[in-house]
Amino acid sequence: VTYMVCMMYGLGLPVLMPIGCVSFVVVFWVDKWLFIRFYRTPPSYSHRICVGASTLLSWGVALHCGFSMLILSNGQIFYSAENMATHSAVEKYMATQERS
């Protein structure tokens, strides 16, 4: 869950990347301690779990690309006078094309 949230919203909220990194480190050490001191030997699983996890990671990258395009293309987030001038020129051109 942490990976997917960081990948989806990481470009719009850059502070999520360090928070996610700290979260992964803490979870790693807590899990390591629990495996050594608390848990019993797990049952034997097949390779399908690794394949499923790899598939989910690739979906995270795809979500990151999609949400990044949405965030970067939003004019309210990244306002620029040059972008607005281009936008108004395109609107004028489209209006002249509709008339003819």
N, C-alpha and C. Protein backbone atom coordinates (compact mmCIF):
# COMPACT_ATOMS: atom_id res chain seq x y z
N VAL A 1 0.83 -1.18 0.00
CA VAL A 1 0.00 0.00 0.00
C VAL A 1 0.88 1.25 0.00
N THR A 2 1.90 1.27 0.82
CA THR A 2 2.78 2.43 0.89
C THR A 2 3.46 2.69 -0.45
N TYR A 3 3.89 1.62 -1.09
CA TYR A 3 4.56 1.76 -2.39
C TYR A 3 3.61 2.38 -3.42
N MET A 4 2.39 1.87 -3.48
CA MET A 4 1.43 2.37 -4.47
C MET A 4 1.08 3.84 -4.22
N VAL A 5 0.87 4.21 -2.97
CA VAL A 5 0.54 5.60 -2.65
C VAL A 5 1.71 6.52 -3.00
N CYS A 6 2.92 6.11 -2.64
CA CYS A 6 4.09 6.94 -2.96
C CYS A 6 4.29 7.07 -4.46
N MET A 7 4.06 6.00 -5.19
CA MET A 7 4.23 6.07 -6.64
C MET A 7 3.14 6.91 -7.30
N MET A 8 1.92 6.83 -6.80
CA MET A 8 0.83 7.58 -7.43
C MET A 8 0.94 9.08 -7.18
N TYR A 9 1.21 9.46 -5.96
CA TYR A 9 1.16 10.88 -5.60
C TYR A 9 2.54 11.49 -5.35
N GLY A 10 3.60 10.78 -5.63
CA GLY A 10 4.95 11.24 -5.33
C GLY A 10 5.37 12.49 -6.07
N LEU A 11 4.93 12.64 -7.31
CA LEU A 11 5.32 13.83 -8.07
C LEU A 11 4.61 15.08 -7.55
N GLY A 12 3.35 14.94 -7.20
CA GLY A 12 2.60 16.09 -6.70
C GLY A 12 2.95 16.44 -5.26
N LEU A 13 3.31 15.45 -4.46
CA LEU A 13 3.70 15.65 -3.06
C LEU A 13 5.08 15.03 -2.86
N PRO A 14 6.15 15.75 -3.19
CA PRO A 14 7.49 15.15 -3.14
C PRO A 14 7.91 14.67 -1.75
N VAL A 15 7.28 15.17 -0.70
CA VAL A 15 7.64 14.74 0.64
C VAL A 15 7.27 13.28 0.88
N LEU A 16 6.40 12.71 0.03
CA LEU A 16 6.01 11.31 0.19
C LEU A 16 7.16 10.36 -0.06
N MET A 17 8.09 10.71 -0.93
CA MET A 17 9.21 9.81 -1.22
C MET A 17 10.09 9.58 0.01
N PRO A 18 10.55 10.62 0.72
CA PRO A 18 11.32 10.34 1.94
C PRO A 18 10.50 9.65 3.03
N ILE A 19 9.22 10.02 3.14
CA ILE A 19 8.35 9.36 4.12
C ILE A 19 8.22 7.88 3.78
N GLY A 20 8.03 7.57 2.52
CA GLY A 20 7.95 6.18 2.09
C GLY A 20 9.24 5.43 2.34
N CYS A 21 10.37 6.09 2.10
CA CYS A 21 11.67 5.46 2.34
C CYS A 21 11.86 5.13 3.82
N VAL A 22 11.52 6.08 4.68
CA VAL A 22 11.62 5.84 6.13
C VAL A 22 10.67 4.72 6.53
N SER A 23 9.49 4.71 5.97
CA SER A 23 8.51 3.66 6.27
C SER A 23 9.05 2.28 5.88
N PHE A 24 9.66 2.18 4.70
CA PHE A 24 10.20 0.90 4.26
C PHE A 24 11.34 0.43 5.17
N VAL A 25 12.20 1.36 5.59
CA VAL A 25 13.31 0.98 6.48
C VAL A 25 12.78 0.50 7.82
N VAL A 26 11.82 1.22 8.39
CA VAL A 26 11.25 0.82 9.68
C VAL A 26 10.55 -0.53 9.58
N VAL A 27 9.76 -0.72 8.54
CA VAL A 27 9.06 -2.00 8.36
C VAL A 27 10.06 -3.13 8.16
N PHE A 28 11.14 -2.86 7.43
CA PHE A 28 12.17 -3.89 7.23
C PHE A 28 12.76 -4.35 8.55
N TRP A 29 13.16 -3.39 9.40
CA TRP A 29 13.80 -3.77 10.66
C TRP A 29 12.81 -4.39 11.64
N VAL A 30 11.60 -3.92 11.67
CA VAL A 30 10.59 -4.53 12.55
C VAL A 30 10.28 -5.95 12.09
N ASP A 31 10.11 -6.14 10.79
CA ASP A 31 9.86 -7.49 10.27
C ASP A 31 11.05 -8.41 10.53
N LYS A 32 12.25 -7.89 10.36
CA LYS A 32 13.44 -8.70 10.62
C LYS A 32 13.49 -9.15 12.07
N TRP A 33 13.21 -8.23 12.97
CA TRP A 33 13.21 -8.57 14.39
C TRP A 33 12.11 -9.59 14.70
N LEU A 34 10.93 -9.39 14.13
CA LEU A 34 9.83 -10.33 14.36
C LEU A 34 10.14 -11.71 13.79
N PHE A 35 10.78 -11.78 12.62
CA PHE A 35 11.14 -13.08 12.05
C PHE A 35 12.14 -13.82 12.93
N ILE A 36 13.07 -13.08 13.51
CA ILE A 36 14.09 -13.71 14.34
C ILE A 36 13.54 -14.11 15.71
N ARG A 37 12.77 -13.27 16.33
CA ARG A 37 12.36 -13.49 17.72
C ARG A 37 10.96 -14.06 17.92
N PHE A 38 10.06 -13.85 16.98
CA PHE A 38 8.66 -14.13 17.27
C PHE A 38 8.04 -15.20 16.38
N TYR A 39 8.22 -15.07 15.08
CA TYR A 39 7.52 -15.95 14.15
C TYR A 39 8.12 -17.34 14.11
N ARG A 40 7.29 -18.30 13.69
CA ARG A 40 7.76 -19.67 13.46
C ARG A 40 8.14 -19.82 11.99
N THR A 41 8.64 -20.97 11.63
CA THR A 41 9.02 -21.23 10.25
C THR A 41 7.76 -21.23 9.37
N PRO A 42 7.76 -20.41 8.33
CA PRO A 42 6.56 -20.32 7.49
C PRO A 42 6.40 -21.56 6.61
N PRO A 43 5.20 -21.80 6.14
CA PRO A 43 5.00 -22.92 5.21
C PRO A 43 5.68 -22.63 3.87
N SER A 44 5.91 -23.65 3.12
CA SER A 44 6.55 -23.50 1.82
C SER A 44 5.52 -23.00 0.80
N TYR A 45 5.86 -21.91 0.12
CA TYR A 45 4.98 -21.33 -0.89
C TYR A 45 5.57 -21.56 -2.27
N SER A 46 4.75 -21.41 -3.29
CA SER A 46 5.23 -21.59 -4.66
C SER A 46 5.80 -20.28 -5.20
N HIS A 47 6.28 -20.35 -6.42
CA HIS A 47 6.86 -19.17 -7.07
C HIS A 47 5.80 -18.16 -7.49
N ARG A 48 4.54 -18.53 -7.46
CA ARG A 48 3.48 -17.64 -7.92
C ARG A 48 3.37 -16.37 -7.06
N ILE A 49 3.76 -16.43 -5.81
CA ILE A 49 3.72 -15.24 -4.95
C ILE A 49 4.72 -14.20 -5.45
N CYS A 50 5.92 -14.64 -5.82
CA CYS A 50 6.93 -13.70 -6.34
C CYS A 50 6.48 -13.09 -7.66
N VAL A 51 5.90 -13.90 -8.51
CA VAL A 51 5.42 -13.40 -9.80
C VAL A 51 4.29 -12.38 -9.59
N GLY A 52 3.38 -12.66 -8.66
CA GLY A 52 2.30 -11.72 -8.37
C GLY A 52 2.81 -10.41 -7.81
N ALA A 53 3.81 -10.47 -6.93
CA ALA A 53 4.39 -9.24 -6.37
C ALA A 53 5.09 -8.43 -7.46
N SER A 54 5.79 -9.10 -8.37
CA SER A 54 6.44 -8.38 -9.47
C SER A 54 5.42 -7.70 -10.38
N THR A 55 4.30 -8.36 -10.60
CA THR A 55 3.25 -7.76 -11.41
C THR A 55 2.70 -6.51 -10.75
N LEU A 56 2.50 -6.56 -9.43
CA LEU A 56 2.01 -5.38 -8.72
C LEU A 56 3.00 -4.22 -8.78
N LEU A 57 4.29 -4.51 -8.74
CA LEU A 57 5.29 -3.45 -8.84
C LEU A 57 5.22 -2.76 -10.20
N SER A 58 5.01 -3.52 -11.25
CA SER A 58 4.92 -2.89 -12.57
C SER A 58 3.65 -2.03 -12.68
N TRP A 59 2.56 -2.43 -12.03
CA TRP A 59 1.35 -1.59 -12.00
C TRP A 59 1.64 -0.28 -11.27
N GLY A 60 2.48 -0.33 -10.24
CA GLY A 60 2.84 0.90 -9.52
C GLY A 60 3.57 1.88 -10.42
N VAL A 61 4.46 1.38 -11.25
CA VAL A 61 5.18 2.25 -12.19
C VAL A 61 4.20 2.85 -13.20
N ALA A 62 3.27 2.03 -13.69
CA ALA A 62 2.28 2.54 -14.64
C ALA A 62 1.40 3.62 -14.00
N LEU A 63 0.98 3.39 -12.75
CA LEU A 63 0.18 4.41 -12.04
C LEU A 63 0.98 5.69 -11.84
N HIS A 64 2.27 5.55 -11.53
CA HIS A 64 3.13 6.72 -11.35
C HIS A 64 3.19 7.54 -12.63
N CYS A 65 3.38 6.88 -13.77
CA CYS A 65 3.44 7.60 -15.04
C CYS A 65 2.12 8.29 -15.35
N GLY A 66 1.01 7.59 -15.13
CA GLY A 66 -0.29 8.18 -15.42
C GLY A 66 -0.61 9.37 -14.54
N PHE A 67 -0.42 9.23 -13.24
CA PHE A 67 -0.70 10.34 -12.34
C PHE A 67 0.28 11.49 -12.54
N SER A 68 1.53 11.18 -12.91
CA SER A 68 2.51 12.24 -13.17
C SER A 68 2.09 13.07 -14.37
N MET A 69 1.59 12.41 -15.42
CA MET A 69 1.11 13.17 -16.58
C MET A 69 -0.06 14.06 -16.21
N LEU A 70 -0.98 13.54 -15.38
CA LEU A 70 -2.12 14.36 -14.96
C LEU A 70 -1.67 15.57 -14.13
N ILE A 71 -0.74 15.34 -13.23
CA ILE A 71 -0.28 16.42 -12.36
C ILE A 71 0.49 17.46 -13.15
N LEU A 72 1.38 17.02 -14.03
CA LEU A 72 2.19 17.97 -14.79
C LEU A 72 1.39 18.73 -15.84
N SER A 73 0.30 18.14 -16.32
CA SER A 73 -0.48 18.82 -17.35
C SER A 73 -1.55 19.74 -16.76
N ASN A 74 -1.70 19.77 -15.46
CA ASN A 74 -2.71 20.62 -14.83
C ASN A 74 -2.18 22.06 -14.76
N GLY A 75 -2.84 22.97 -15.45
CA GLY A 75 -2.41 24.36 -15.48
C GLY A 75 -2.58 25.09 -14.16
N GLN A 76 -3.45 24.61 -13.28
CA GLN A 76 -3.63 25.26 -11.99
C GLN A 76 -2.48 24.94 -11.04
N ILE A 77 -1.82 23.83 -11.23
CA ILE A 77 -0.70 23.47 -10.37
C ILE A 77 0.58 24.15 -10.84
N PHE A 78 0.86 24.04 -12.14
CA PHE A 78 2.07 24.63 -12.71
C PHE A 78 1.66 25.75 -13.65
N TYR A 79 1.33 26.92 -13.07
CA TYR A 79 0.88 28.06 -13.86
C TYR A 79 2.08 28.77 -14.46
N SER A 80 1.94 29.16 -15.69
CA SER A 80 2.98 29.90 -16.38
C SER A 80 2.31 30.84 -17.38
N ALA A 81 2.81 32.06 -17.45
CA ALA A 81 2.25 33.03 -18.39
C ALA A 81 2.45 32.55 -19.83
N GLU A 82 3.58 31.91 -20.09
CA GLU A 82 3.85 31.40 -21.43
C GLU A 82 2.84 30.30 -21.80
N ASN A 83 2.53 29.42 -20.86
CA ASN A 83 1.55 28.38 -21.13
C ASN A 83 0.17 28.98 -21.37
N MET A 84 -0.17 30.00 -20.61
CA MET A 84 -1.48 30.62 -20.78
C MET A 84 -1.56 31.36 -22.11
N ALA A 85 -0.46 31.98 -22.56
CA ALA A 85 -0.44 32.64 -23.86
C ALA A 85 -0.63 31.62 -24.98
N THR A 86 0.02 30.48 -24.85
CA THR A 86 -0.14 29.41 -25.83
C THR A 86 -1.57 28.90 -25.84
N HIS A 87 -2.13 28.74 -24.66
CA HIS A 87 -3.51 28.26 -24.53
C HIS A 87 -4.49 29.23 -25.20
N SER A 88 -4.30 30.53 -24.97
CA SER A 88 -5.21 31.51 -25.57
C SER A 88 -5.03 31.55 -27.10
N ALA A 89 -3.81 31.36 -27.58
CA ALA A 89 -3.58 31.33 -29.03
C ALA A 89 -4.27 30.12 -29.65
N VAL A 90 -4.22 29.00 -28.97
CA VAL A 90 -4.90 27.81 -29.47
C VAL A 90 -6.41 28.03 -29.48
N GLU A 91 -6.94 28.66 -28.45
CA GLU A 91 -8.38 28.94 -28.41
C GLU A 91 -8.79 29.86 -29.55
N LYS A 92 -8.00 30.90 -29.83
CA LYS A 92 -8.31 31.81 -30.95
C LYS A 92 -8.28 31.06 -32.28
N TYR A 93 -7.29 30.21 -32.45
CA TYR A 93 -7.19 29.44 -33.68
C TYR A 93 -8.38 28.51 -33.84
N MET A 94 -8.77 27.84 -32.78
CA MET A 94 -9.92 26.93 -32.84
C MET A 94 -11.20 27.69 -33.14
N ALA A 95 -11.35 28.91 -32.60
CA ALA A 95 -12.54 29.72 -32.87
C ALA A 95 -12.61 30.12 -34.32
N THR A 96 -11.46 30.45 -34.94
CA THR A 96 -11.47 30.81 -36.36
C THR A 96 -11.75 29.59 -37.24
N GLN A 97 -11.32 28.42 -36.79
CA GLN A 97 -11.57 27.21 -37.56
C GLN A 97 -13.05 26.80 -37.52
N GLU A 98 -13.71 27.07 -36.40
CA GLU A 98 -15.11 26.74 -36.26
C GLU A 98 -15.98 27.64 -37.14
N ARG A 99 -15.58 28.88 -37.33
CA ARG A 99 -16.35 29.83 -38.15
C ARG A 99 -16.30 29.47 -39.63
N SER A 100 -15.16 28.93 -40.06
CA SER A 100 -15.03 28.66 -41.50
C SER A 100 -15.45 27.27 -41.89
